[in-house]
Amino acid sequence: MSNESDEDPDSVEKVTRTDVGCSMEARLKRGTETRDEDRMTIEAKGETAEETIAEFYELLEEYEQEIGGRLRDIQPEEDDEEADE
């Protein structure tokens, strides 16, 4: 049993990719100054638009409740910056 590509080294095998479902992406930016700025990309995927939107809202809520606050907490405060100067 021989594969066509084994016989002809110059042949190219073509692969067609098919994605099924729905995806959604939002890019968020909080703050205006370099040390007071967070950027986040939230991506959600699902088999249907309804599933995708539900997953997106779950991820957004997680960001709002946990991740956003944690990012702000690790930023230096102005008093710390002035002490370093």
PDB file of N, CA and C in Angstrom:
ATOM      1  N   MET A   1       0.851  -1.167   0.000  1.00  0.00           N
ATOM      2  CA  MET A   1       0.000   0.000   0.000  1.00  0.00           C
ATOM      3  C   MET A   1       0.900   1.234   0.000  1.00  0.00           C
ATOM      4  N   SER A   2       0.762   2.068  -1.006  1.00  0.00           N
ATOM      5  CA  SER A   2       1.650   3.204  -1.167  1.00  0.00           C
ATOM      6  C   SER A   2       0.852   4.496  -1.153  1.00  0.00           C
ATOM      7  N   ASN A   3       1.410   5.495  -0.515  1.00  0.00           N
ATOM      8  CA  ASN A   3       0.798   6.811  -0.461  1.00  0.00           C
ATOM      9  C   ASN A   3       1.307   7.621  -1.648  1.00  0.00           C
ATOM     10  N   GLU A   4       0.451   8.442  -2.263  1.00  0.00           N
ATOM     11  CA  GLU A   4       0.833   9.227  -3.428  1.00  0.00           C
ATOM     12  C   GLU A   4       2.020  10.130  -3.115  1.00  0.00           C
ATOM     13  N   SER A   5       2.076  10.710  -1.891  1.00  0.00           N
ATOM     14  CA  SER A   5       3.176  11.596  -1.541  1.00  0.00           C
ATOM     15  C   SER A   5       4.486  10.841  -1.407  1.00  0.00           C
ATOM     16  N   ASP A   6       4.427   9.508  -1.123  1.00  0.00           N
ATOM     17  CA  ASP A   6       5.641   8.701  -1.070  1.00  0.00           C
ATOM     18  C   ASP A   6       6.221   8.529  -2.466  1.00  0.00           C
ATOM     19  N   GLU A   7       5.368   8.473  -3.461  1.00  0.00           N
ATOM     20  CA  GLU A   7       5.816   8.265  -4.833  1.00  0.00           C
ATOM     21  C   GLU A   7       6.386   9.539  -5.439  1.00  0.00           C
ATOM     22  N   ASP A   8       5.804  10.689  -5.144  1.00  0.00           N
ATOM     23  CA  ASP A   8       6.228  11.951  -5.725  1.00  0.00           C
ATOM     24  C   ASP A   8       6.635  12.910  -4.611  1.00  0.00           C
ATOM     25  N   PRO A   9       7.942  13.126  -4.416  1.00  0.00           N
ATOM     26  CA  PRO A   9       8.386  13.986  -3.320  1.00  0.00           C
ATOM     27  C   PRO A   9       7.965  15.446  -3.490  1.00  0.00           C
ATOM     28  N   ASP A  10       7.583  15.866  -4.700  1.00  0.00           N
ATOM     29  CA  ASP A  10       7.169  17.249  -4.933  1.00  0.00           C
ATOM     30  C   ASP A  10       5.665  17.471  -4.727  1.00  0.00           C
ATOM     31  N   SER A  11       4.915  16.417  -4.437  1.00  0.00           N
ATOM     32  CA  SER A  11       3.467  16.582  -4.255  1.00  0.00           C
ATOM     33  C   SER A  11       3.187  17.249  -2.912  1.00  0.00           C
ATOM     34  N   VAL A  12       2.098  17.986  -2.857  1.00  0.00           N
ATOM     35  CA  VAL A  12       1.708  18.702  -1.647  1.00  0.00           C
ATOM     36  C   VAL A  12       0.349  18.181  -1.208  1.00  0.00           C
ATOM     37  N   GLU A  13       0.255  17.829   0.056  1.00  0.00           N
ATOM     38  CA  GLU A  13      -1.020  17.377   0.597  1.00  0.00           C
ATOM     39  C   GLU A  13      -1.777  18.595   1.092  1.00  0.00           C
ATOM     40  N   LYS A  14      -3.012  18.752   0.652  1.00  0.00           N
ATOM     41  CA  LYS A  14      -3.833  19.892   1.064  1.00  0.00           C
ATOM     42  C   LYS A  14      -4.780  19.459   2.160  1.00  0.00           C
ATOM     43  N   VAL A  15      -4.863  20.276   3.195  1.00  0.00           N
ATOM     44  CA  VAL A  15      -5.750  20.008   4.322  1.00  0.00           C
ATOM     45  C   VAL A  15      -6.728  21.164   4.435  1.00  0.00           C
ATOM     46  N   THR A  16      -7.992  20.847   4.521  1.00  0.00           N
ATOM     47  CA  THR A  16      -9.019  21.866   4.683  1.00  0.00           C
ATOM     48  C   THR A  16      -9.453  21.865   6.137  1.00  0.00           C
ATOM     49  N   ARG A  17      -9.412  23.035   6.769  1.00  0.00           N
ATOM     50  CA  ARG A  17      -9.806  23.154   8.168  1.00  0.00           C
ATOM     51  C   ARG A  17     -11.206  23.746   8.226  1.00  0.00           C
ATOM     52  N   THR A  18     -12.047  23.125   9.012  1.00  0.00           N
ATOM     53  CA  THR A  18     -13.407  23.609   9.178  1.00  0.00           C
ATOM     54  C   THR A  18     -13.662  23.831  10.658  1.00  0.00           C
ATOM     55  N   ASP A  19     -13.998  25.040  11.025  1.00  0.00           N
ATOM     56  CA  ASP A  19     -14.358  25.356  12.402  1.00  0.00           C
ATOM     57  C   ASP A  19     -15.872  25.375  12.497  1.00  0.00           C
ATOM     58  N   VAL A  20     -16.357  24.768  13.540  1.00  0.00           N
ATOM     59  CA  VAL A  20     -17.788  24.748  13.771  1.00  0.00           C
ATOM     60  C   VAL A  20     -18.044  25.484  15.069  1.00  0.00           C
ATOM     61  N   GLY A  21     -19.015  26.346  15.057  1.00  0.00           N
ATOM     62  CA  GLY A  21     -19.357  27.043  16.278  1.00  0.00           C
ATOM     63  C   GLY A  21     -19.220  28.537  16.135  1.00  0.00           C
ATOM     64  N   CYS A  22     -19.026  29.182  17.279  1.00  0.00           N
ATOM     65  CA  CYS A  22     -19.033  30.636  17.343  1.00  0.00           C
ATOM     66  C   CYS A  22     -17.919  31.082  18.289  1.00  0.00           C
ATOM     67  N   SER A  23     -17.334  32.226  18.005  1.00  0.00           N
ATOM     68  CA  SER A  23     -16.342  32.784  18.919  1.00  0.00           C
ATOM     69  C   SER A  23     -16.604  34.272  19.090  1.00  0.00           C
ATOM     70  N   MET A  24     -16.122  34.799  20.215  1.00  0.00           N
ATOM     71  CA  MET A  24     -16.335  36.199  20.546  1.00  0.00           C
ATOM     72  C   MET A  24     -15.108  36.699  21.276  1.00  0.00           C
ATOM     73  N   GLU A  25     -14.680  37.921  20.967  1.00  0.00           N
ATOM     74  CA  GLU A  25     -13.501  38.490  21.617  1.00  0.00           C
ATOM     75  C   GLU A  25     -13.761  39.947  21.947  1.00  0.00           C
ATOM     76  N   ALA A  26     -13.324  40.359  23.131  1.00  0.00           N
ATOM     77  CA  ALA A  26     -13.414  41.766  23.528  1.00  0.00           C
ATOM     78  C   ALA A  26     -12.089  42.161  24.155  1.00  0.00           C
ATOM     79  N   ARG A  27     -11.619  43.348  23.819  1.00  0.00           N
ATOM     80  CA  ARG A  27     -10.387  43.875  24.401  1.00  0.00           C
ATOM     81  C   ARG A  27     -10.755  45.042  25.300  1.00  0.00           C
ATOM     82  N   LEU A  28     -10.308  44.947  26.541  1.00  0.00           N
ATOM     83  CA  LEU A  28     -10.638  45.960  27.533  1.00  0.00           C
ATOM     84  C   LEU A  28      -9.379  46.713  27.936  1.00  0.00           C
ATOM     85  N   LYS A  29      -9.540  47.987  28.219  1.00  0.00           N
ATOM     86  CA  LYS A  29      -8.435  48.794  28.729  1.00  0.00           C
ATOM     87  C   LYS A  29      -8.983  49.656  29.847  1.00  0.00           C
ATOM     88  N   ARG A  30      -8.337  49.588  30.998  1.00  0.00           N
ATOM     89  CA  ARG A  30      -8.739  50.377  32.148  1.00  0.00           C
ATOM     90  C   ARG A  30      -7.591  51.309  32.502  1.00  0.00           C
ATOM     91  N   GLY A  31      -7.888  52.555  32.772  1.00  0.00           N
ATOM     92  CA  GLY A  31      -6.865  53.518  33.147  1.00  0.00           C
ATOM     93  C   GLY A  31      -6.343  54.278  31.950  1.00  0.00           C
ATOM     94  N   THR A  32      -5.627  55.368  32.246  1.00  0.00           N
ATOM     95  CA  THR A  32      -5.120  56.201  31.162  1.00  0.00           C
ATOM     96  C   THR A  32      -3.618  56.407  31.242  1.00  0.00           C
ATOM     97  N   GLU A  33      -3.038  56.238  32.426  1.00  0.00           N
ATOM     98  CA  GLU A  33      -1.608  56.442  32.576  1.00  0.00           C
ATOM     99  C   GLU A  33      -0.881  55.105  32.592  1.00  0.00           C
ATOM    100  N   THR A  34       0.395  55.122  32.253  1.00  0.00           N
ATOM    101  CA  THR A  34       1.176  53.895  32.122  1.00  0.00           C
ATOM    102  C   THR A  34       1.100  53.024  33.370  1.00  0.00           C
ATOM    103  N   ARG A  35       1.244  53.620  34.543  1.00  0.00           N
ATOM    104  CA  ARG A  35       1.248  52.829  35.781  1.00  0.00           C
ATOM    105  C   ARG A  35      -0.167  52.574  36.311  1.00  0.00           C
ATOM    106  N   ASP A  36      -1.136  53.094  35.640  1.00  0.00           N
ATOM    107  CA  ASP A  36      -2.523  52.907  36.056  1.00  0.00           C
ATOM    108  C   ASP A  36      -3.337  52.395  34.870  1.00  0.00           C
ATOM    109  N   GLU A  37      -2.797  51.380  34.207  1.00  0.00           N
ATOM    110  CA  GLU A  37      -3.443  50.886  32.997  1.00  0.00           C
ATOM    111  C   GLU A  37      -3.431  49.358  33.000  1.00  0.00           C
ATOM    112  N   ASP A  38      -4.571  48.775  32.770  1.00  0.00           N
ATOM    113  CA  ASP A  38      -4.688  47.318  32.636  1.00  0.00           C
ATOM    114  C   ASP A  38      -5.258  47.034  31.256  1.00  0.00           C
ATOM    115  N   ARG A  39      -4.731  46.024  30.618  1.00  0.00           N
ATOM    116  CA  ARG A  39      -5.284  45.575  29.341  1.00  0.00           C
ATOM    117  C   ARG A  39      -5.634  44.101  29.468  1.00  0.00           C
ATOM    118  N   MET A  40      -6.797  43.754  28.961  1.00  0.00           N
ATOM    119  CA  MET A  40      -7.263  42.379  29.066  1.00  0.00           C
ATOM    120  C   MET A  40      -8.005  42.017  27.792  1.00  0.00           C
ATOM    121  N   THR A  41      -7.757  40.838  27.292  1.00  0.00           N
ATOM    122  CA  THR A  41      -8.520  40.307  26.165  1.00  0.00           C
ATOM    123  C   THR A  41      -9.323  39.120  26.684  1.00  0.00           C
ATOM    124  N   ILE A  42     -10.605  39.147  26.452  1.00  0.00           N
ATOM    125  CA  ILE A  42     -11.477  38.048  26.856  1.00  0.00           C
ATOM    126  C   ILE A  42     -11.968  37.369  25.587  1.00  0.00           C
ATOM    127  N   GLU A  43     -11.720  36.065  25.495  1.00  0.00           N
ATOM    128  CA  GLU A  43     -12.143  35.283  24.337  1.00  0.00           C
ATOM    129  C   GLU A  43     -13.050  34.149  24.809  1.00  0.00           C
ATOM    130  N   ALA A  44     -14.154  33.961  24.115  1.00  0.00           N
ATOM    131  CA  ALA A  44     -15.084  32.893  24.448  1.00  0.00           C
ATOM    132  C   ALA A  44     -15.436  32.132  23.176  1.00  0.00           C
ATOM    133  N   LYS A  45     -15.650  30.824  23.327  1.00  0.00           N
ATOM    134  CA  LYS A  45     -16.037  29.985  22.192  1.00  0.00           C
ATOM    135  C   LYS A  45     -17.141  29.039  22.636  1.00  0.00           C
ATOM    136  N   GLY A  46     -18.005  28.706  21.712  1.00  0.00           N
ATOM    137  CA  GLY A  46     -19.073  27.765  21.989  1.00  0.00           C
ATOM    138  C   GLY A  46     -19.622  27.209  20.693  1.00  0.00           C
ATOM    139  N   GLU A  47     -20.463  26.223  20.802  1.00  0.00           N
ATOM    140  CA  GLU A  47     -21.062  25.632  19.603  1.00  0.00           C
ATOM    141  C   GLU A  47     -22.134  26.526  19.009  1.00  0.00           C
ATOM    142  N   THR A  48     -22.763  27.337  19.865  1.00  0.00           N
ATOM    143  CA  THR A  48     -23.798  28.255  19.395  1.00  0.00           C
ATOM    144  C   THR A  48     -23.487  29.662  19.917  1.00  0.00           C
ATOM    145  N   ALA A  49     -24.141  30.646  19.346  1.00  0.00           N
ATOM    146  CA  ALA A  49     -23.962  32.023  19.824  1.00  0.00           C
ATOM    147  C   ALA A  49     -24.399  32.137  21.281  1.00  0.00           C
ATOM    148  N   GLU A  50     -25.473  31.459  21.645  1.00  0.00           N
ATOM    149  CA  GLU A  50     -25.968  31.506  23.019  1.00  0.00           C
ATOM    150  C   GLU A  50     -24.936  30.965  24.002  1.00  0.00           C
ATOM    151  N   GLU A  51     -24.299  29.827  23.676  1.00  0.00           N
ATOM    152  CA  GLU A  51     -23.254  29.258  24.532  1.00  0.00           C
ATOM    153  C   GLU A  51     -22.054  30.190  24.624  1.00  0.00           C
ATOM    154  N   THR A  52     -21.692  30.790  23.501  1.00  0.00           N
ATOM    155  CA  THR A  52     -20.543  31.690  23.458  1.00  0.00           C
ATOM    156  C   THR A  52     -20.783  32.912  24.330  1.00  0.00           C
ATOM    157  N   ILE A  53     -21.961  33.494  24.243  1.00  0.00           N
ATOM    158  CA  ILE A  53     -22.289  34.671  25.044  1.00  0.00           C
ATOM    159  C   ILE A  53     -22.306  34.316  26.531  1.00  0.00           C
ATOM    160  N   ALA A  54     -22.860  33.161  26.877  1.00  0.00           N
ATOM    161  CA  ALA A  54     -22.891  32.732  28.283  1.00  0.00           C
ATOM    162  C   ALA A  54     -21.471  32.568  28.818  1.00  0.00           C
ATOM    163  N   GLU A  55     -20.583  31.945  28.040  1.00  0.00           N
ATOM    164  CA  GLU A  55     -19.195  31.771  28.471  1.00  0.00           C
ATOM    165  C   GLU A  55     -18.503  33.130  28.602  1.00  0.00           C
ATOM    166  N   PHE A  56     -18.778  34.045  27.662  1.00  0.00           N
ATOM    167  CA  PHE A  56     -18.175  35.370  27.707  1.00  0.00           C
ATOM    168  C   PHE A  56     -18.565  36.083  28.996  1.00  0.00           C
ATOM    169  N   TYR A  57     -19.849  36.047  29.342  1.00  0.00           N
ATOM    170  CA  TYR A  57     -20.298  36.725  30.556  1.00  0.00           C
ATOM    171  C   TYR A  57     -19.677  36.106  31.806  1.00  0.00           C
ATOM    172  N   GLU A  58     -19.488  34.794  31.820  1.00  0.00           N
ATOM    173  CA  GLU A  58     -18.818  34.147  32.953  1.00  0.00           C
ATOM    174  C   GLU A  58     -17.380  34.658  33.078  1.00  0.00           C
ATOM    175  N   LEU A  59     -16.666  34.727  31.955  1.00  0.00           N
ATOM    176  CA  LEU A  59     -15.285  35.205  31.978  1.00  0.00           C
ATOM    177  C   LEU A  59     -15.214  36.676  32.373  1.00  0.00           C
ATOM    178  N   LEU A  60     -16.142  37.482  31.875  1.00  0.00           N
ATOM    179  CA  LEU A  60     -16.174  38.900  32.213  1.00  0.00           C
ATOM    180  C   LEU A  60     -16.431  39.093  33.707  1.00  0.00           C
ATOM    181  N   GLU A  61     -17.357  38.318  34.254  1.00  0.00           N
ATOM    182  CA  GLU A  61     -17.657  38.413  35.683  1.00  0.00           C
ATOM    183  C   GLU A  61     -16.442  38.012  36.520  1.00  0.00           C
ATOM    184  N   GLU A  62     -15.746  36.960  36.091  1.00  0.00           N
ATOM    185  CA  GLU A  62     -14.531  36.532  36.799  1.00  0.00           C
ATOM    186  C   GLU A  62     -13.484  37.651  36.774  1.00  0.00           C
ATOM    187  N   TYR A  63     -13.334  38.302  35.631  1.00  0.00           N
ATOM    188  CA  TYR A  63     -12.395  39.419  35.537  1.00  0.00           C
ATOM    189  C   TYR A  63     -12.797  40.540  36.490  1.00  0.00           C
ATOM    190  N   GLU A  64     -14.076  40.904  36.468  1.00  0.00           N
ATOM    191  CA  GLU A  64     -14.563  42.002  37.309  1.00  0.00           C
ATOM    192  C   GLU A  64     -14.380  41.698  38.792  1.00  0.00           C
ATOM    193  N   GLN A  65     -14.654  40.455  39.197  1.00  0.00           N
ATOM    194  CA  GLN A  65     -14.639  40.110  40.614  1.00  0.00           C
ATOM    195  C   GLN A  65     -13.251  39.753  41.131  1.00  0.00           C
ATOM    196  N   GLU A  66     -12.412  39.141  40.314  1.00  0.00           N
ATOM    197  CA  GLU A  66     -11.147  38.626  40.825  1.00  0.00           C
ATOM    198  C   GLU A  66      -9.919  39.223  40.159  1.00  0.00           C
ATOM    199  N   ILE A  67      -9.850  39.130  38.880  1.00  0.00           N
ATOM    200  CA  ILE A  67      -8.624  39.468  38.171  1.00  0.00           C
ATOM    201  C   ILE A  67      -8.365  40.964  38.150  1.00  0.00           C
ATOM    202  N   GLY A  68      -9.384  41.773  37.855  1.00  0.00           N
ATOM    203  CA  GLY A  68      -9.208  43.219  37.792  1.00  0.00           C
ATOM    204  C   GLY A  68      -8.670  43.792  39.097  1.00  0.00           C
ATOM    205  N   GLY A  69      -9.241  43.387  40.208  1.00  0.00           N
ATOM    206  CA  GLY A  69      -8.772  43.857  41.514  1.00  0.00           C
ATOM    207  C   GLY A  69      -7.352  43.409  41.811  1.00  0.00           C
ATOM    208  N   ARG A  70      -7.039  42.185  41.465  1.00  0.00           N
ATOM    209  CA  ARG A  70      -5.676  41.678  41.696  1.00  0.00           C
ATOM    210  C   ARG A  70      -4.658  42.450  40.878  1.00  0.00           C
ATOM    211  N   LEU A  71      -4.996  42.795  39.637  1.00  0.00           N
ATOM    212  CA  LEU A  71      -4.066  43.569  38.813  1.00  0.00           C
ATOM    213  C   LEU A  71      -3.819  44.949  39.424  1.00  0.00           C
ATOM    214  N   ARG A  72      -4.870  45.584  39.892  1.00  0.00           N
ATOM    215  CA  ARG A  72      -4.710  46.917  40.499  1.00  0.00           C
ATOM    216  C   ARG A  72      -3.902  46.834  41.790  1.00  0.00           C
ATOM    217  N   ASP A  73      -4.062  45.740  42.532  1.00  0.00           N
ATOM    218  CA  ASP A  73      -3.352  45.583  43.805  1.00  0.00           C
ATOM    219  C   ASP A  73      -1.840  45.458  43.638  1.00  0.00           C
ATOM    220  N   ILE A  74      -1.378  44.947  42.517  1.00  0.00           N
ATOM    221  CA  ILE A  74       0.063  44.757  42.361  1.00  0.00           C
ATOM    222  C   ILE A  74       0.761  45.993  41.802  1.00  0.00           C
ATOM    223  N   GLN A  75       0.038  47.027  41.502  1.00  0.00           N
ATOM    224  CA  GLN A  75       0.640  48.252  40.985  1.00  0.00           C
ATOM    225  C   GLN A  75       1.220  49.059  42.138  1.00  0.00           C
ATOM    226  N   PRO A  76       2.359  49.700  41.916  1.00  0.00           N
ATOM    227  CA  PRO A  76       2.966  50.511  42.975  1.00  0.00           C
ATOM    228  C   PRO A  76       2.129  51.747  43.259  1.00  0.00           C
ATOM    229  N   GLU A  77       2.130  52.153  44.500  1.00  0.00           N
ATOM    230  CA  GLU A  77       1.424  53.373  44.876  1.00  0.00           C
ATOM    231  C   GLU A  77       2.335  54.564  44.665  1.00  0.00           C
ATOM    232  N   GLU A  78       1.767  55.741  44.537  1.00  0.00           N
ATOM    233  CA  GLU A  78       2.555  56.953  44.273  1.00  0.00           C
ATOM    234  C   GLU A  78       3.572  57.217  45.375  1.00  0.00           C
ATOM    235  N   ASP A  79       3.229  56.966  46.635  1.00  0.00           N
ATOM    236  CA  ASP A  79       4.160  57.196  47.746  1.00  0.00           C
ATOM    237  C   ASP A  79       5.411  56.324  47.579  1.00  0.00           C
ATOM    238  N   ASP A  80       5.242  55.087  47.125  1.00  0.00           N
ATOM    239  CA  ASP A  80       6.374  54.189  46.913  1.00  0.00           C
ATOM    240  C   ASP A  80       7.252  54.709  45.784  1.00  0.00           C
ATOM    241  N   GLU A  81       6.661  55.244  44.730  1.00  0.00           N
ATOM    242  CA  GLU A  81       7.419  55.762  43.589  1.00  0.00           C
ATOM    243  C   GLU A  81       8.230  56.981  44.011  1.00  0.00           C
ATOM    244  N   GLU A  82       7.621  57.888  44.814  1.00  0.00           N
ATOM    245  CA  GLU A  82       8.322  59.101  45.242  1.00  0.00           C
ATOM    246  C   GLU A  82       9.474  58.748  46.163  1.00  0.00           C
ATOM    247  N   ALA A  83       9.328  57.714  46.984  1.00  0.00           N
ATOM    248  CA  ALA A  83      10.399  57.295  47.885  1.00  0.00           C
ATOM    249  C   ALA A  83      11.582  56.739  47.121  1.00  0.00           C
ATOM    250  N   ASP A  84      11.322  56.127  45.971  1.00  0.00           N
ATOM    251  CA  ASP A  84      12.382  55.559  45.156  1.00  0.00           C
ATOM    252  C   ASP A  84      13.187  56.617  44.413  1.00  0.00           C
ATOM    253  N   GLU A  85      12.637  57.806  44.243  1.00  0.00           N
ATOM    254  CA  GLU A  85      13.309  58.854  43.448  1.00  0.00           C
ATOM    255  C   GLU A  85      14.385  59.555  44.199  1.00  0.00           C
TER     256      GLU A  85
END
